[in-house]
Amino acid sequence: MRRAISSACTATVIVTLAVAGCTTNTSEPSDSARPQRGTAAEGAVGPVRELTDAEEILIERAEQLLVRKCVEKEGFTYWLTPVTSVEERQSRGYVLSDVDWARKHGYGGQLEKKAEKIRRSDPNNAYANSLPEAERIRYSKTVSGDPSKGMLSVELPTGGTVQTPRDGCWADTRERLYGDRATWFRVKKTATTLTPLYVPDLVKDKRLVNAVKAWSRCMRAAGHDYADPDELRDKRYVVTEGLSPARAHATEVELAVAEATCAGKTSLARTARSLEREYRAEKLRQYSDDIAMYQRMRLDALARAKDVIGSQA
């Protein structure tokens, strides 16, 4: 399933059902998966909560500053790359419910193109490719780590294993911001891969099924015959295929505004959020300590990131 400005296995919990098989036996040197959204929990030391998008942005900026400093110590150059804005991150979710955002961005097609352009023009990739082979290899190991020097490994609750190098500038940066690297990697990969444990039951819940049917009737009345938001998101690529950029955006906007309007007129968005909280509380009880630790370590990272950003001002 496609989502604007998002990575596989990282969107809001309900929409991840279609990617339940992700991250099996893979390596993630950059440790870059985004967290799931959740409610506040009680951690080892006081209450904890999820970060806001603005707080995540601050941490990502601090990460880049620390990585650059680390890389430059080894004699290489490292460029800071743009971090997606709060507005660009708002397109995630099972169903669009922000009419104003939809009217401006549609499904984020233009934002997707912007992000892809930034990825293709990343000066760090060009720099690495310009280096002699031996230095290119050393640069890669400096930034992302050397697997031959050991890997951290975590068995996921849903099956499969993920790994990441123990060393490298990204590993050092996470250690500095989050604390113990092994603990951080374990709780992060546990807390952010739990959706397959409850989403299959959630999507069959009659309350959600009925809300989806109401949304579908609303969409049909507006001239858009789709059974659910997933069908609409998938088929919007077909609808816009071959259109000029301007016309494709206008078509996206029309569909997205209709979706968000119907999400407001019906109970779909509200029901999905309520059921998400209910099912997470019921199905993920055995992982509550890891989830709380994950949230606690992110809050600690936020405090340290503020110091990093402040020192660079």
Protein backbone atom coordinates (compact mmCIF):
# COMPACT_ATOMS: atom_id res chain seq x y z
CA MET A 1 0.00 0.00 0.00
CA ARG A 2 1.33 3.46 -0.84
CA ARG A 3 1.35 6.41 1.51
CA ALA A 4 2.65 9.92 0.93
CA ILE A 5 5.95 10.82 2.60
CA SER A 6 6.21 7.64 4.58
CA SER A 7 8.38 4.52 4.76
CA ALA A 8 7.32 0.89 4.80
CA CYS A 9 6.25 -0.35 8.23
CA THR A 10 6.23 3.19 9.64
CA ALA A 11 2.77 4.68 8.99
CA THR A 12 -0.02 5.08 11.51
CA VAL A 13 -0.84 1.69 12.97
CA ILE A 14 -4.01 0.71 11.12
CA VAL A 15 -2.58 1.25 7.66
CA THR A 16 0.34 -1.11 8.20
CA LEU A 17 -1.63 -4.31 7.75
CA ALA A 18 -0.55 -4.60 4.13
CA VAL A 19 3.12 -4.41 5.08
CA ALA A 20 3.01 -6.81 7.97
CA GLY A 21 5.80 -8.88 6.48
CA CYS A 22 8.41 -6.11 6.46
CA THR A 23 11.85 -6.12 8.10
CA THR A 24 12.43 -9.85 8.23
CA ASN A 25 16.12 -10.83 8.26
CA THR A 26 17.30 -7.44 7.10
CA SER A 27 20.03 -5.02 8.11
CA GLU A 28 19.31 -1.41 9.01
CA PRO A 29 22.56 0.52 9.52
CA SER A 30 20.82 3.88 9.62
CA ASP A 31 18.14 2.69 12.10
CA SER A 32 15.73 5.10 10.45
CA ALA A 33 12.25 3.61 10.78
CA ARG A 34 9.68 6.01 12.12
CA PRO A 35 7.71 5.20 15.30
CA GLN A 36 4.09 4.28 15.62
CA ARG A 37 1.74 6.72 17.26
CA GLY A 38 0.29 5.74 20.62
CA THR A 39 -1.11 7.03 23.83
CA ALA A 40 0.85 7.97 26.91
CA ALA A 41 2.05 5.15 29.13
CA GLU A 42 3.63 4.85 32.54
CA GLY A 43 7.36 4.26 32.28
CA ALA A 44 10.00 3.28 34.79
CA VAL A 45 10.31 6.94 35.85
CA GLY A 46 7.02 8.80 35.58
CA PRO A 47 4.63 9.09 32.64
CA VAL A 48 5.88 8.83 29.07
CA ARG A 49 4.33 9.75 25.74
CA GLU A 50 4.93 9.75 22.01
CA LEU A 51 6.83 12.64 20.48
CA THR A 52 5.16 15.26 18.36
CA ASP A 53 6.24 15.68 14.74
CA ALA A 54 8.06 18.89 15.67
CA GLU A 55 9.98 17.05 18.38
CA GLU A 56 10.93 14.28 15.98
CA ILE A 57 12.24 16.90 13.58
CA LEU A 58 14.42 18.38 16.29
CA ILE A 59 15.94 14.96 17.04
CA GLU A 60 16.56 14.27 13.36
CA ARG A 61 18.39 17.57 13.01
CA ALA A 62 20.50 16.82 16.05
CA GLU A 63 21.30 13.38 14.63
CA GLN A 64 22.60 14.93 11.45
CA LEU A 65 24.76 17.42 13.33
CA LEU A 66 26.30 14.65 15.42
CA VAL A 67 26.87 12.40 12.40
CA ARG A 68 28.55 15.24 10.52
CA LYS A 69 30.88 15.94 13.43
CA CYS A 70 31.75 12.26 13.72
CA VAL A 71 32.37 11.84 9.99
CA GLU A 72 34.51 14.96 9.79
CA LYS A 73 36.74 13.61 12.57
CA GLU A 74 37.67 10.81 10.18
CA GLY A 75 38.69 13.30 7.51
CA PHE A 76 35.58 13.11 5.35
CA THR A 77 32.94 15.67 4.40
CA TYR A 78 29.27 15.30 5.35
CA TRP A 79 26.38 17.53 4.29
CA LEU A 80 23.24 18.10 6.32
CA THR A 81 20.18 17.10 4.31
CA PRO A 82 16.66 18.61 4.51
CA VAL A 83 14.31 17.20 7.14
CA THR A 84 10.66 16.86 6.20
CA SER A 85 8.44 19.49 7.79
CA VAL A 86 5.53 19.02 10.17
CA GLU A 87 3.11 19.73 7.34
CA GLU A 88 4.73 17.11 5.11
CA ARG A 89 4.33 14.48 7.83
CA GLN A 90 0.62 15.07 8.31
CA SER A 91 -0.47 12.95 5.34
CA ARG A 92 -0.13 9.66 7.19
CA GLY A 93 -3.20 7.82 8.45
CA TYR A 94 -5.89 5.30 7.61
CA VAL A 95 -8.22 7.94 6.27
CA LEU A 96 -7.62 11.60 5.53
CA SER A 97 -9.61 13.80 7.89
CA ASP A 98 -7.99 17.23 7.46
CA VAL A 99 -9.91 18.93 4.64
CA ASP A 100 -7.59 21.93 4.56
CA TRP A 101 -4.52 19.72 4.18
CA ALA A 102 -6.25 17.68 1.48
CA ARG A 103 -7.26 20.82 -0.38
CA LYS A 104 -3.64 21.97 -0.43
CA HIS A 105 -1.76 18.70 -0.95
CA GLY A 106 -4.23 16.11 -2.20
CA TYR A 107 -2.50 12.84 -1.28
CA GLY A 108 0.90 14.46 -1.17
CA GLY A 109 1.87 13.60 -4.74
CA GLN A 110 3.83 16.80 -5.14
CA LEU A 111 5.43 16.26 -1.75
CA GLU A 112 6.46 12.75 -2.86
CA LYS A 113 8.18 14.20 -5.91
CA LYS A 114 9.91 16.81 -3.78
CA ALA A 115 11.19 14.14 -1.39
CA GLU A 116 12.39 11.95 -4.25
CA LYS A 117 14.23 14.90 -5.79
CA ILE A 118 15.96 15.54 -2.47
CA ARG A 119 16.98 11.88 -2.20
CA ARG A 120 18.37 11.81 -5.74
CA SER A 121 20.33 15.03 -5.22
CA ASP A 122 21.80 14.06 -1.83
CA PRO A 123 25.35 15.48 -1.95
CA ASN A 124 26.57 12.74 0.39
CA ASN A 125 25.86 10.09 -2.26
CA ALA A 126 27.64 12.10 -4.93
CA TYR A 127 30.57 12.66 -2.59
CA ALA A 128 30.86 8.96 -1.73
CA ASN A 129 30.76 8.00 -5.41
CA SER A 130 33.55 10.48 -6.17
CA LEU A 131 35.97 8.83 -3.74
CA PRO A 132 38.55 6.22 -4.76
CA GLU A 133 37.34 2.70 -4.03
CA ALA A 134 39.35 2.20 -0.83
CA GLU A 135 38.25 5.56 0.56
CA ARG A 136 34.66 4.95 -0.52
CA ILE A 137 34.62 1.74 1.48
CA ARG A 138 36.17 3.47 4.49
CA TYR A 139 33.64 6.29 4.19
CA SER A 140 30.74 3.82 4.13
CA LYS A 141 32.03 2.04 7.20
CA THR A 142 32.62 5.36 8.95
CA VAL A 143 29.06 6.51 8.36
CA SER A 144 27.04 3.30 8.60
CA GLY A 145 29.33 0.88 10.40
CA ASP A 146 31.37 -2.20 9.61
CA PRO A 147 29.32 -5.43 9.81
CA SER A 148 32.51 -7.45 10.21
CA LYS A 149 33.03 -5.78 13.60
CA GLY A 150 29.77 -7.14 14.96
CA MET A 151 26.04 -6.66 14.61
CA LEU A 152 23.24 -5.97 17.03
CA SER A 153 20.40 -8.42 16.45
CA VAL A 154 16.77 -8.35 17.58
CA GLU A 155 14.12 -11.04 17.14
CA LEU A 156 10.84 -9.36 16.29
CA PRO A 157 7.61 -10.23 18.13
CA THR A 158 6.03 -10.98 14.75
CA GLY A 159 8.86 -13.25 13.61
CA GLY A 160 12.10 -12.64 11.77
CA THR A 161 15.23 -10.83 12.81
CA VAL A 162 16.64 -7.35 12.18
CA GLN A 163 20.27 -6.38 12.50
CA THR A 164 22.38 -3.23 12.55
CA PRO A 165 26.15 -2.65 12.86
CA ARG A 166 27.49 -1.98 16.33
CA ASP A 167 29.83 0.77 15.19
CA GLY A 168 29.86 3.73 12.81
CA CYS A 169 28.81 7.34 13.18
CA TRP A 170 25.09 6.60 13.09
CA ALA A 171 25.53 4.04 15.88
CA ASP A 172 27.62 6.49 17.93
CA THR A 173 25.01 9.20 17.40
CA ARG A 174 22.15 7.00 18.60
CA GLU A 175 24.23 5.97 21.61
CA ARG A 176 24.78 9.60 22.51
CA LEU A 177 21.16 10.62 22.09
CA TYR A 178 19.24 7.56 23.28
CA GLY A 179 21.63 5.93 25.70
CA ASP A 180 22.56 2.24 25.56
CA ARG A 181 22.57 1.34 21.87
CA ALA A 182 21.61 -2.31 22.30
CA THR A 183 18.65 -1.46 24.53
CA TRP A 184 17.52 1.29 22.16
CA PHE A 185 17.67 -0.99 19.13
CA ARG A 186 15.74 -3.73 20.95
CA VAL A 187 12.90 -1.58 22.29
CA LYS A 188 12.60 0.45 19.09
CA LYS A 189 12.30 -2.59 16.87
CA THR A 190 9.86 -4.18 19.31
CA ALA A 191 7.64 -1.12 19.77
CA THR A 192 7.48 -0.25 16.06
CA THR A 193 6.69 -3.69 14.65
CA LEU A 194 3.69 -4.74 16.72
CA THR A 195 0.83 -3.83 14.40
CA PRO A 196 0.42 -7.30 12.84
CA LEU A 197 -0.43 -8.59 16.31
CA TYR A 198 -3.73 -6.71 16.44
CA VAL A 199 -4.57 -5.10 13.09
CA PRO A 200 -6.03 -8.29 11.54
CA ASP A 201 -8.61 -8.41 14.34
CA LEU A 202 -9.16 -4.66 14.31
CA VAL A 203 -10.07 -4.46 10.64
CA LYS A 204 -12.71 -7.19 11.13
CA ASP A 205 -14.31 -5.39 14.06
CA LYS A 206 -17.93 -4.66 13.19
CA ARG A 207 -17.60 -1.11 14.46
CA LEU A 208 -14.88 -0.38 11.92
CA VAL A 209 -16.60 -2.35 9.17
CA ASN A 210 -19.79 -0.35 9.67
CA ALA A 211 -17.88 2.93 9.74
CA VAL A 212 -16.14 2.05 6.48
CA LYS A 213 -19.48 1.23 4.87
CA ALA A 214 -20.87 4.60 5.95
CA TRP A 215 -17.79 6.34 4.52
CA SER A 216 -18.16 4.41 1.27
CA ARG A 217 -21.81 5.47 0.93
CA CYS A 218 -20.78 9.08 1.51
CA MET A 219 -18.09 8.83 -1.16
CA ARG A 220 -20.50 7.23 -3.63
CA ALA A 221 -22.95 10.07 -3.09
CA ALA A 222 -20.12 12.49 -3.89
CA GLY A 223 -19.47 10.70 -7.18
CA HIS A 224 -16.54 8.51 -6.09
CA ASP A 225 -17.32 4.79 -5.84
CA TYR A 226 -14.73 3.23 -3.52
CA ALA A 227 -15.22 0.49 -0.97
CA ASP A 228 -12.63 1.82 1.48
CA PRO A 229 -9.76 4.34 1.74
CA ASP A 230 -7.18 1.75 0.68
CA GLU A 231 -8.93 1.14 -2.63
CA LEU A 232 -9.09 4.88 -3.24
CA ARG A 233 -5.39 5.41 -2.46
CA ASP A 234 -4.35 2.55 -4.75
CA LYS A 235 -6.56 3.51 -7.65
CA ARG A 236 -5.76 7.21 -7.53
CA TYR A 237 -2.51 6.37 -9.34
CA VAL A 238 -4.56 4.88 -12.17
CA VAL A 239 -6.91 7.86 -12.22
CA THR A 240 -4.03 10.33 -12.53
CA GLU A 241 -1.92 8.28 -14.94
CA GLY A 242 -1.10 10.18 -18.13
CA LEU A 243 -2.38 13.51 -16.84
CA SER A 244 -0.33 16.68 -16.83
CA PRO A 245 1.22 17.52 -13.43
CA ALA A 246 -1.31 20.28 -12.87
CA ARG A 247 -4.29 18.14 -13.81
CA ALA A 248 -3.00 15.18 -11.80
CA HIS A 249 -2.70 17.39 -8.72
CA ALA A 250 -6.19 18.80 -9.24
CA THR A 251 -7.59 15.27 -9.52
CA GLU A 252 -5.75 14.21 -6.38
CA VAL A 253 -7.12 17.20 -4.52
CA GLU A 254 -10.68 16.45 -5.60
CA LEU A 255 -10.45 12.85 -4.36
CA ALA A 256 -8.63 13.75 -1.16
CA VAL A 257 -11.07 16.50 -0.22
CA ALA A 258 -13.97 14.12 -0.79
CA GLU A 259 -12.29 11.48 1.37
CA ALA A 260 -11.58 13.90 4.20
CA THR A 261 -15.05 15.43 4.01
CA CYS A 262 -16.69 12.00 4.28
CA ALA A 263 -14.34 11.07 7.12
CA GLY A 264 -15.76 14.06 8.97
CA LYS A 265 -19.38 13.37 8.08
CA THR A 266 -19.12 9.72 9.14
CA SER A 267 -17.48 8.16 12.17
CA LEU A 268 -14.63 6.45 10.30
CA ALA A 269 -11.66 8.50 11.48
CA ARG A 270 -12.98 8.74 15.02
CA THR A 271 -13.81 5.02 15.16
CA ALA A 272 -10.42 3.98 13.77
CA ARG A 273 -8.56 6.04 16.37
CA SER A 274 -10.72 4.73 19.20
CA LEU A 275 -10.36 1.10 18.13
CA GLU A 276 -6.61 1.50 17.71
CA ARG A 277 -6.28 2.54 21.35
CA GLU A 278 -8.59 -0.25 22.47
CA TYR A 279 -6.84 -3.02 20.54
CA ARG A 280 -3.35 -1.86 21.45
CA ALA A 281 -4.25 -1.87 25.13
CA GLU A 282 -5.75 -5.34 24.87
CA LYS A 283 -3.32 -7.09 22.53
CA LEU A 284 0.02 -5.49 23.41
CA ARG A 285 -0.07 -5.76 27.19
CA GLN A 286 2.93 -8.10 27.31
CA TYR A 287 5.03 -5.51 25.46
CA SER A 288 4.05 -2.57 27.65
CA ASP A 289 7.46 -2.36 29.34
CA ASP A 290 9.30 -2.21 26.01
CA ILE A 291 6.86 0.37 24.65
CA ALA A 292 7.28 2.52 27.76
CA MET A 293 11.06 2.20 27.60
CA TYR A 294 10.99 3.17 23.91
CA GLN A 295 8.98 6.28 24.71
CA ARG A 296 11.21 7.12 27.68
CA MET A 297 14.40 6.83 25.61
CA ARG A 298 12.92 9.06 22.92
CA LEU A 299 12.06 11.71 25.48
CA ASP A 300 15.60 11.48 26.83
CA ALA A 301 16.90 11.85 23.28
CA LEU A 302 14.74 14.94 22.84
CA ALA A 303 16.33 16.60 25.87
CA ARG A 304 19.82 15.78 24.61
CA ALA A 305 18.94 16.89 21.08
CA LYS A 306 17.96 20.31 22.41
CA ASP A 307 21.44 20.62 23.94
CA VAL A 308 23.03 19.59 20.64
CA ILE A 309 20.98 22.10 18.65
CA GLY A 310 21.67 24.79 21.23
CA SER A 311 25.41 24.24 21.11
CA GLN A 312 25.34 24.72 17.34
CA ALA A 313 23.40 28.00 17.49
